[in-house]
Amino acid sequence: MLALADARAAMFAGLPRRLRKTTGRLRRDLGLNPARMRLLRHPTVVWMLHAGTVWFWHAKGPYDLTLENEWVHQLEHLSFLVTAVLFWRVLVAPRLPIWPSLGYRVLLVFTMAVQGVLLAALITFAESPWYSGYSETTGVWDLTPLADQQLAGVIMWIPSGPIYTIAGLVLLVTWIRQSTTTGRDAIRRA
C-alpha cells in the first residue's frame, strides 16, 4: 500500500520537525539533488539497495550491533522499510520517471526472491550460530542459539516465498496478456 500510495510526502510530514530539518540538511550535505534522487529510484539501483540492505544487516557484525544498540536496531528496521518501499514502488507504482518493462519487473521479482531464499537457506542450514547475541536469550524458549537461528531462517523463507511468487505471476500474466493483445493488434493492422 505504501508503494502504491507514494506516501513519501505524508511520511516526511509525519516526522518530528527537528528530524525533518536534520533530514533536509543531511540530504543537502550529501548532495542529493533531484537528478541524484532520480538515480536512487532507478530499478536496478533500487534492487541493489534493497538486497544489499538485507544482506548487510544479516552479516555478523552489523546484526550483533543491532542487538547491542537500540538506535542501530531502529535504523536497521527503517532501512528495511525504506528500501522495500522503493523496491515495491518500482514494481507496482502507476507512473515513474524510469518505468521498467513488465519483463524487467518479472526479472526483478524473480532475482529478489532468489537472493532472499539464498540468504534464508544459509541462515537455516548453518552448522553453527552466526550471531553471538542470542547465546544468553534463547534458553527462555528452550532453544539453542543454532535452533533459534534456524527457526529465524525458516521464518524469513516461508512468508516471502508466496509474496514474491504471487507478485511475479501477476506481472508475468500481465506481460503475456499485453504481448498477446499487441500481437493481435499487429495482425489486424496487417
C-alpha atoms as a PDB file:
ATOM      1  CA  MET A   1       0.000   0.000   0.000  1.00  0.00           C
ATOM      2  CA  LEU A   2       2.837   2.401   0.815  1.00  0.00           C
ATOM      3  CA  ALA A   3       4.435   1.743  -2.562  1.00  0.00           C
ATOM      4  CA  LEU A   4       1.177   2.389  -4.430  1.00  0.00           C
ATOM      5  CA  ALA A   5       0.314   5.482  -2.443  1.00  0.00           C
ATOM      6  CA  ASP A   6       3.675   7.185  -2.969  1.00  0.00           C
ATOM      7  CA  ALA A   7       3.383   8.302   0.631  1.00  0.00           C
ATOM      8  CA  ARG A   8       6.780   9.991   0.833  1.00  0.00           C
ATOM      9  CA  ALA A   9       5.377  13.474   1.465  1.00  0.00           C
ATOM     10  CA  ALA A  10       2.932  12.248   4.122  1.00  0.00           C
ATOM     11  CA  MET A  11       5.588  10.116   5.818  1.00  0.00           C
ATOM     12  CA  PHE A  12       8.037  13.031   5.814  1.00  0.00           C
ATOM     13  CA  ALA A  13       5.392  15.421   7.171  1.00  0.00           C
ATOM     14  CA  GLY A  14       4.691  12.946   9.980  1.00  0.00           C
ATOM     15  CA  LEU A  15       8.251  13.161  11.259  1.00  0.00           C
ATOM     16  CA  PRO A  16       9.081  15.489  14.143  1.00  0.00           C
ATOM     17  CA  ARG A  17      10.090  18.963  12.929  1.00  0.00           C
ATOM     18  CA  ARG A  18      13.651  18.569  14.215  1.00  0.00           C
ATOM     19  CA  LEU A  19      14.099  15.284  12.338  1.00  0.00           C
ATOM     20  CA  ARG A  20      12.682  16.827   9.136  1.00  0.00           C
ATOM     21  CA  LYS A  21      15.242  19.636   9.372  1.00  0.00           C
ATOM     22  CA  THR A  22      18.052  17.171  10.048  1.00  0.00           C
ATOM     23  CA  THR A  23      16.937  15.014   7.117  1.00  0.00           C
ATOM     24  CA  GLY A  24      16.802  18.019   4.791  1.00  0.00           C
ATOM     25  CA  ARG A  25      20.233  19.182   5.922  1.00  0.00           C
ATOM     26  CA  LEU A  26      21.660  15.670   5.502  1.00  0.00           C
ATOM     27  CA  ARG A  27      20.147  15.395   2.021  1.00  0.00           C
ATOM     28  CA  ARG A  28      21.670  18.767   1.088  1.00  0.00           C
ATOM     29  CA  ASP A  29      25.066  17.887   2.639  1.00  0.00           C
ATOM     30  CA  LEU A  30      25.162  14.595   0.739  1.00  0.00           C
ATOM     31  CA  GLY A  31      24.411  16.441  -2.499  1.00  0.00           C
ATOM     32  CA  LEU A  32      21.195  14.510  -3.092  1.00  0.00           C
ATOM     33  CA  ASN A  33      19.761  16.895  -5.664  1.00  0.00           C
ATOM     34  CA  PRO A  34      16.760  15.874  -7.838  1.00  0.00           C
ATOM     35  CA  ALA A  35      18.983  14.265 -10.504  1.00  0.00           C
ATOM     36  CA  ARG A  36      20.744  12.095  -7.931  1.00  0.00           C
ATOM     37  CA  MET A  37      17.443  11.263  -6.278  1.00  0.00           C
ATOM     38  CA  ARG A  38      16.177  10.021  -9.673  1.00  0.00           C
ATOM     39  CA  LEU A  39      19.210   7.739  -9.838  1.00  0.00           C
ATOM     40  CA  LEU A  40      18.245   6.346  -6.420  1.00  0.00           C
ATOM     41  CA  ARG A  41      14.880   5.394  -7.936  1.00  0.00           C
ATOM     42  CA  HIS A  42      16.371   3.535 -10.916  1.00  0.00           C
ATOM     43  CA  PRO A  43      15.059  -0.064 -10.863  1.00  0.00           C
ATOM     44  CA  THR A  44      18.496  -1.704 -10.845  1.00  0.00           C
ATOM     45  CA  VAL A  45      19.838   0.674  -8.191  1.00  0.00           C
ATOM     46  CA  VAL A  46      16.747   0.125  -6.023  1.00  0.00           C
ATOM     47  CA  TRP A  47      17.131  -3.659  -6.372  1.00  0.00           C
ATOM     48  CA  MET A  48      20.778  -3.451  -5.283  1.00  0.00           C
ATOM     49  CA  LEU A  49      19.909  -1.118  -2.389  1.00  0.00           C
ATOM     50  CA  HIS A  50      17.206  -3.415  -1.039  1.00  0.00           C
ATOM     51  CA  ALA A  51      19.106  -6.682  -1.484  1.00  0.00           C
ATOM     52  CA  GLY A  52      22.295  -5.079  -0.170  1.00  0.00           C
ATOM     53  CA  THR A  53      20.467  -3.725   2.878  1.00  0.00           C
ATOM     54  CA  VAL A  54      19.047  -7.144   3.743  1.00  0.00           C
ATOM     55  CA  TRP A  55      22.423  -8.876   3.350  1.00  0.00           C
ATOM     56  CA  PHE A  56      24.308  -6.129   5.206  1.00  0.00           C
ATOM     57  CA  TRP A  57      22.098  -6.285   8.290  1.00  0.00           C
ATOM     58  CA  HIS A  58      22.281 -10.096   8.375  1.00  0.00           C
ATOM     59  CA  ALA A  59      26.087 -10.112   8.432  1.00  0.00           C
ATOM     60  CA  LYS A  60      27.502 -10.965  11.856  1.00  0.00           C
ATOM     61  CA  GLY A  61      28.969  -7.563  12.784  1.00  0.00           C
ATOM     62  CA  PRO A  62      26.025  -5.322  11.886  1.00  0.00           C
ATOM     63  CA  TYR A  63      23.489  -7.803  13.256  1.00  0.00           C
ATOM     64  CA  ASP A  64      25.268  -8.135  16.601  1.00  0.00           C
ATOM     65  CA  LEU A  65      25.443  -4.337  16.772  1.00  0.00           C
ATOM     66  CA  THR A  66      21.639  -4.136  16.410  1.00  0.00           C
ATOM     67  CA  LEU A  67      21.326  -6.360  19.469  1.00  0.00           C
ATOM     68  CA  GLU A  68      23.596  -4.082  21.497  1.00  0.00           C
ATOM     69  CA  ASN A  69      22.241  -0.679  20.444  1.00  0.00           C
ATOM     70  CA  GLU A  70      18.542   0.179  20.146  1.00  0.00           C
ATOM     71  CA  TRP A  71      19.226   3.151  17.833  1.00  0.00           C
ATOM     72  CA  VAL A  72      21.093   0.889  15.415  1.00  0.00           C
ATOM     73  CA  HIS A  73      18.244  -1.612  15.678  1.00  0.00           C
ATOM     74  CA  GLN A  74      15.749   1.117  14.747  1.00  0.00           C
ATOM     75  CA  LEU A  75      17.996   2.197  11.857  1.00  0.00           C
ATOM     76  CA  GLU A  76      18.048  -1.404  10.636  1.00  0.00           C
ATOM     77  CA  HIS A  77      14.254  -1.568  10.511  1.00  0.00           C
ATOM     78  CA  LEU A  78      13.957   1.894   8.962  1.00  0.00           C
ATOM     79  CA  SER A  79      16.387   0.891   6.212  1.00  0.00           C
ATOM     80  CA  PHE A  80      14.384  -2.304   5.575  1.00  0.00           C
ATOM     81  CA  LEU A  81      11.183  -0.243   5.282  1.00  0.00           C
ATOM     82  CA  VAL A  82      12.624   2.479   3.050  1.00  0.00           C
ATOM     83  CA  THR A  83      14.402   0.138   0.637  1.00  0.00           C
ATOM     84  CA  ALA A  84      11.405  -2.228   0.498  1.00  0.00           C
ATOM     85  CA  VAL A  85       9.035   0.643  -0.346  1.00  0.00           C
ATOM     86  CA  LEU A  86      11.444   1.842  -3.047  1.00  0.00           C
ATOM     87  CA  PHE A  87      11.710  -1.695  -4.478  1.00  0.00           C
ATOM     88  CA  TRP A  88       7.979  -2.435  -4.498  1.00  0.00           C
ATOM     89  CA  ARG A  89       7.221   1.025  -5.850  1.00  0.00           C
ATOM     90  CA  VAL A  90       9.301   0.200  -8.947  1.00  0.00           C
ATOM     91  CA  LEU A  91       7.126  -2.871  -9.428  1.00  0.00           C
ATOM     92  CA  VAL A  92       3.634  -1.516  -8.767  1.00  0.00           C
ATOM     93  CA  ALA A  93       3.513   2.293  -8.907  1.00  0.00           C
ATOM     94  CA  PRO A  94       1.438   3.518 -11.848  1.00  0.00           C
ATOM     95  CA  ARG A  95       3.836   6.169 -13.182  1.00  0.00           C
ATOM     96  CA  LEU A  96       7.521   6.611 -12.579  1.00  0.00           C
ATOM     97  CA  PRO A  97      10.133   8.668 -14.439  1.00  0.00           C
ATOM     98  CA  ILE A  98      12.043   5.430 -15.063  1.00  0.00           C
ATOM     99  CA  TRP A  99       9.360   2.837 -15.716  1.00  0.00           C
ATOM    100  CA  PRO A 100      10.757  -0.676 -16.305  1.00  0.00           C
ATOM    101  CA  SER A 101       9.137  -3.037 -18.781  1.00  0.00           C
ATOM    102  CA  LEU A 102       6.960  -5.838 -17.454  1.00  0.00           C
ATOM    103  CA  GLY A 103       9.631  -8.374 -18.394  1.00  0.00           C
ATOM    104  CA  TYR A 104      12.236  -6.475 -16.421  1.00  0.00           C
ATOM    105  CA  ARG A 105       9.892  -6.247 -13.441  1.00  0.00           C
ATOM    106  CA  VAL A 106       9.392 -10.033 -13.578  1.00  0.00           C
ATOM    107  CA  LEU A 107      13.193 -10.390 -13.564  1.00  0.00           C
ATOM    108  CA  LEU A 108      13.492  -8.011 -10.587  1.00  0.00           C
ATOM    109  CA  VAL A 109      10.956 -10.012  -8.548  1.00  0.00           C
ATOM    110  CA  PHE A 110      12.487 -13.358  -9.501  1.00  0.00           C
ATOM    111  CA  THR A 111      16.039 -12.318  -8.633  1.00  0.00           C
ATOM    112  CA  MET A 112      14.926 -10.665  -5.384  1.00  0.00           C
ATOM    113  CA  ALA A 113      13.195 -13.916  -4.435  1.00  0.00           C
ATOM    114  CA  VAL A 114      16.279 -15.981  -5.305  1.00  0.00           C
ATOM    115  CA  GLN A 115      18.656 -13.849  -3.237  1.00  0.00           C
ATOM    116  CA  GLY A 116      16.200 -13.933  -0.316  1.00  0.00           C
ATOM    117  CA  VAL A 117      15.922 -17.713  -0.494  1.00  0.00           C
ATOM    118  CA  LEU A 118      19.710 -17.981  -0.645  1.00  0.00           C
ATOM    119  CA  LEU A 119      20.160 -15.860   2.496  1.00  0.00           C
ATOM    120  CA  ALA A 120      17.382 -17.704   4.339  1.00  0.00           C
ATOM    121  CA  ALA A 121      18.861 -21.073   3.332  1.00  0.00           C
ATOM    122  CA  LEU A 122      22.327 -20.047   4.526  1.00  0.00           C
ATOM    123  CA  ILE A 123      20.871 -18.975   7.874  1.00  0.00           C
ATOM    124  CA  THR A 124      18.660 -22.072   8.163  1.00  0.00           C
ATOM    125  CA  PHE A 125      21.284 -24.664   7.234  1.00  0.00           C
ATOM    126  CA  ALA A 126      24.270 -23.089   9.002  1.00  0.00           C
ATOM    127  CA  GLU A 127      26.217 -25.563  11.108  1.00  0.00           C
ATOM    128  CA  SER A 128      26.924 -23.036  13.850  1.00  0.00           C
ATOM    129  CA  PRO A 129      25.238 -19.841  15.079  1.00  0.00           C
ATOM    130  CA  TRP A 130      26.179 -16.674  13.191  1.00  0.00           C
ATOM    131  CA  TYR A 131      25.273 -14.250  15.944  1.00  0.00           C
ATOM    132  CA  SER A 132      26.694 -14.180  19.452  1.00  0.00           C
ATOM    133  CA  GLY A 133      23.948 -12.029  20.970  1.00  0.00           C
ATOM    134  CA  TYR A 134      21.471 -14.872  21.327  1.00  0.00           C
ATOM    135  CA  SER A 135      23.668 -17.139  23.439  1.00  0.00           C
ATOM    136  CA  GLU A 136      22.034 -15.864  26.656  1.00  0.00           C
ATOM    137  CA  THR A 137      18.461 -15.285  25.481  1.00  0.00           C
ATOM    138  CA  THR A 138      17.338 -18.396  23.615  1.00  0.00           C
ATOM    139  CA  GLY A 139      17.226 -20.624  26.714  1.00  0.00           C
ATOM    140  CA  VAL A 140      13.976 -18.943  27.769  1.00  0.00           C
ATOM    141  CA  TRP A 141      12.330 -20.638  24.784  1.00  0.00           C
ATOM    142  CA  ASP A 142      14.221 -23.886  25.380  1.00  0.00           C
ATOM    143  CA  LEU A 143      16.119 -23.350  22.130  1.00  0.00           C
ATOM    144  CA  THR A 144      19.805 -23.440  21.410  1.00  0.00           C
ATOM    145  CA  PRO A 145      21.213 -20.381  19.614  1.00  0.00           C
ATOM    146  CA  LEU A 146      21.562 -22.507  16.463  1.00  0.00           C
ATOM    147  CA  ALA A 147      17.950 -23.737  16.639  1.00  0.00           C
ATOM    148  CA  ASP A 148      16.769 -20.141  17.140  1.00  0.00           C
ATOM    149  CA  GLN A 149      18.772 -19.033  14.101  1.00  0.00           C
ATOM    150  CA  GLN A 150      17.418 -21.916  12.020  1.00  0.00           C
ATOM    151  CA  LEU A 151      13.861 -21.042  13.019  1.00  0.00           C
ATOM    152  CA  ALA A 152      14.519 -17.410  12.038  1.00  0.00           C
ATOM    153  CA  GLY A 153      15.816 -18.580   8.648  1.00  0.00           C
ATOM    154  CA  VAL A 154      12.644 -20.590   8.057  1.00  0.00           C
ATOM    155  CA  ILE A 155      10.523 -17.594   9.081  1.00  0.00           C
ATOM    156  CA  MET A 156      12.448 -15.454   6.565  1.00  0.00           C
ATOM    157  CA  TRP A 157      11.996 -18.097   3.887  1.00  0.00           C
ATOM    158  CA  ILE A 158       8.376 -19.234   4.139  1.00  0.00           C
ATOM    159  CA  PRO A 159       6.321 -15.989   4.194  1.00  0.00           C
ATOM    160  CA  SER A 160       8.366 -14.292   1.476  1.00  0.00           C
ATOM    161  CA  GLY A 161       8.002 -17.191  -0.977  1.00  0.00           C
ATOM    162  CA  PRO A 162       4.285 -16.775  -1.692  1.00  0.00           C
ATOM    163  CA  ILE A 163       4.577 -12.975  -1.765  1.00  0.00           C
ATOM    164  CA  TYR A 164       7.269 -12.994  -4.449  1.00  0.00           C
ATOM    165  CA  THR A 165       5.573 -15.855  -6.322  1.00  0.00           C
ATOM    166  CA  ILE A 166       2.211 -14.065  -6.464  1.00  0.00           C
ATOM    167  CA  ALA A 167       3.810 -10.739  -7.448  1.00  0.00           C
ATOM    168  CA  GLY A 168       5.902 -12.438 -10.114  1.00  0.00           C
ATOM    169  CA  LEU A 169       2.927 -14.370 -11.506  1.00  0.00           C
ATOM    170  CA  VAL A 170       0.718 -11.267 -11.632  1.00  0.00           C
ATOM    171  CA  LEU A 171       3.432  -9.396 -13.527  1.00  0.00           C
ATOM    172  CA  LEU A 172       4.083 -12.383 -15.814  1.00  0.00           C
ATOM    173  CA  VAL A 173       0.385 -12.855 -16.656  1.00  0.00           C
ATOM    174  CA  THR A 174       0.025  -9.108 -17.278  1.00  0.00           C
ATOM    175  CA  TRP A 175       3.079  -9.207 -19.547  1.00  0.00           C
ATOM    176  CA  ILE A 176       1.747 -12.209 -21.503  1.00  0.00           C
ATOM    177  CA  ARG A 177      -1.702 -10.633 -21.901  1.00  0.00           C
ATOM    178  CA  GLN A 178      -0.160  -7.355 -23.018  1.00  0.00           C
ATOM    179  CA  SER A 179       2.061  -9.180 -25.522  1.00  0.00           C
ATOM    180  CA  THR A 180      -0.901 -11.183 -26.839  1.00  0.00           C
ATOM    181  CA  THR A 181      -3.030  -8.049 -27.257  1.00  0.00           C
ATOM    182  CA  THR A 182      -0.184  -6.216 -29.005  1.00  0.00           C
ATOM    183  CA  GLY A 183       0.348  -9.214 -31.292  1.00  0.00           C
ATOM    184  CA  ARG A 184      -3.353  -9.426 -32.214  1.00  0.00           C
ATOM    185  CA  ASP A 185      -3.476  -5.705 -32.931  1.00  0.00           C
ATOM    186  CA  ALA A 186      -0.441  -6.001 -35.206  1.00  0.00           C
ATOM    187  CA  ILE A 187      -2.060  -8.894 -37.108  1.00  0.00           C
ATOM    188  CA  ARG A 188      -5.325  -6.943 -37.539  1.00  0.00           C
ATOM    189  CA  ARG A 189      -3.462  -3.938 -38.923  1.00  0.00           C
ATOM    190  CA  ALA A 190      -1.533  -6.080 -41.400  1.00  0.00           C
END
